[in-house]
Structures are given as C-alpha cells and as structure tokens.
Amino acid sequence: MIKAVLLDLDETLFLTQRVAFHIENEALAKVGSAPISFERHRQLWGGPVLDKLQFYDPAIDPSAFEA
C-alpha cells in the first residue's frame, strides 16, 4: 500500500538540476546538436521542455515530439 507520494518541485528534497543538465547534453548530442553550458541550462531550467526546445537548438522542431 502506498503511504505517501513526495513531489519535489523546487529541489528541496532531491537535487536534480545537475543530473538534468547532463541528460540534456546527452540528448542534444544524440540529435547532433552542440552541448549547452551549465549557465545556459540554469536559464532554461523549469517549465515545459517543448516550449524551450528552440532555445536549446533552433534546428530542433518541437512538433516532432508532440504526442
């Protein structure tokens, strides 16, 4: 039985930003895009990823990822 569900939306329990930074750069490499700096990652951190794809690489077409 599930006793609790923890949501950590502001990194108070789990520090995930640095992990997400590495995952983003791995994903960018897989589509042939240049890596982003950690500072750029911090500027883009939070919110829907599809809304920010153009800032990672203008060549990425967000409509290719829509369900």
Protein backbone atom coordinates (compact mmCIF):
# COMPACT_ATOMS: atom_id res chain seq x y z
CA MET A 1 0.00 0.00 0.00
CA ILE A 2 1.26 3.48 -0.89
CA LYS A 3 1.61 5.56 2.27
CA ALA A 4 2.87 8.79 0.68
CA VAL A 5 3.80 10.40 -2.61
CA LEU A 6 6.55 13.00 -2.48
CA LEU A 7 6.75 15.70 -5.12
CA ASP A 8 9.88 17.82 -5.10
CA LEU A 9 9.18 20.71 -7.43
CA ASP A 10 11.78 23.10 -6.06
CA GLU A 11 14.72 20.80 -5.32
CA THR A 12 14.31 20.93 -1.55
CA LEU A 13 14.45 17.13 -1.19
CA PHE A 14 16.30 15.96 -4.28
CA LEU A 15 18.96 17.92 -6.13
CA THR A 16 18.20 17.03 -9.73
CA GLN A 17 19.34 20.08 -11.69
CA ARG A 18 22.90 18.90 -12.32
CA VAL A 19 21.66 15.44 -13.38
CA ALA A 20 19.16 17.06 -15.75
CA PHE A 21 21.97 19.18 -17.21
CA HIS A 22 23.95 16.06 -18.13
CA ILE A 23 20.87 14.31 -19.54
CA GLU A 24 20.03 17.36 -21.67
CA ASN A 25 23.52 17.44 -23.13
CA GLU A 26 23.39 13.70 -23.86
CA ALA A 27 20.07 14.20 -25.66
CA LEU A 28 21.46 17.15 -27.62
CA ALA A 29 24.45 15.05 -28.70
CA LYS A 30 22.14 12.27 -29.91
CA VAL A 31 20.34 14.68 -32.25
CA GLY A 32 23.61 16.23 -33.45
CA SER A 33 23.33 19.50 -31.51
CA ALA A 34 26.07 21.26 -29.59
CA PRO A 35 26.10 20.95 -25.79
CA ILE A 36 24.87 23.84 -23.67
CA SER A 37 26.73 25.43 -20.77
CA PHE A 38 25.55 24.96 -17.21
CA GLU A 39 24.74 28.68 -17.10
CA ARG A 40 22.50 28.33 -20.17
CA HIS A 41 20.90 25.26 -18.59
CA ARG A 42 20.13 27.32 -15.46
CA GLN A 43 18.45 29.97 -17.60
CA LEU A 44 16.24 27.32 -19.22
CA TRP A 45 15.61 25.26 -16.05
CA GLY A 46 11.95 24.72 -15.18
CA GLY A 47 8.77 24.76 -17.20
CA PRO A 48 7.71 22.70 -20.21
CA VAL A 49 10.63 21.42 -22.27
CA LEU A 50 8.71 21.61 -25.56
CA ASP A 51 8.33 25.37 -25.06
CA LYS A 52 12.09 25.73 -24.70
CA LEU A 53 13.45 23.45 -27.44
CA GLN A 54 14.09 26.41 -29.74
CA PHE A 55 16.48 27.83 -27.13
CA TYR A 56 18.48 24.60 -26.96
CA ASP A 57 18.92 24.46 -30.73
CA PRO A 58 16.86 26.41 -33.31
CA ALA A 59 17.15 23.44 -35.70
CA ILE A 60 15.09 21.19 -33.37
CA ASP A 61 11.44 21.02 -34.43
CA PRO A 62 9.19 20.81 -31.34
CA SER A 63 6.30 19.40 -33.37
CA ALA A 64 8.38 16.25 -33.94
CA PHE A 65 7.98 15.46 -30.22
CA GLU A 66 4.27 16.10 -29.78
CA ALA A 67 2.06 13.14 -29.00
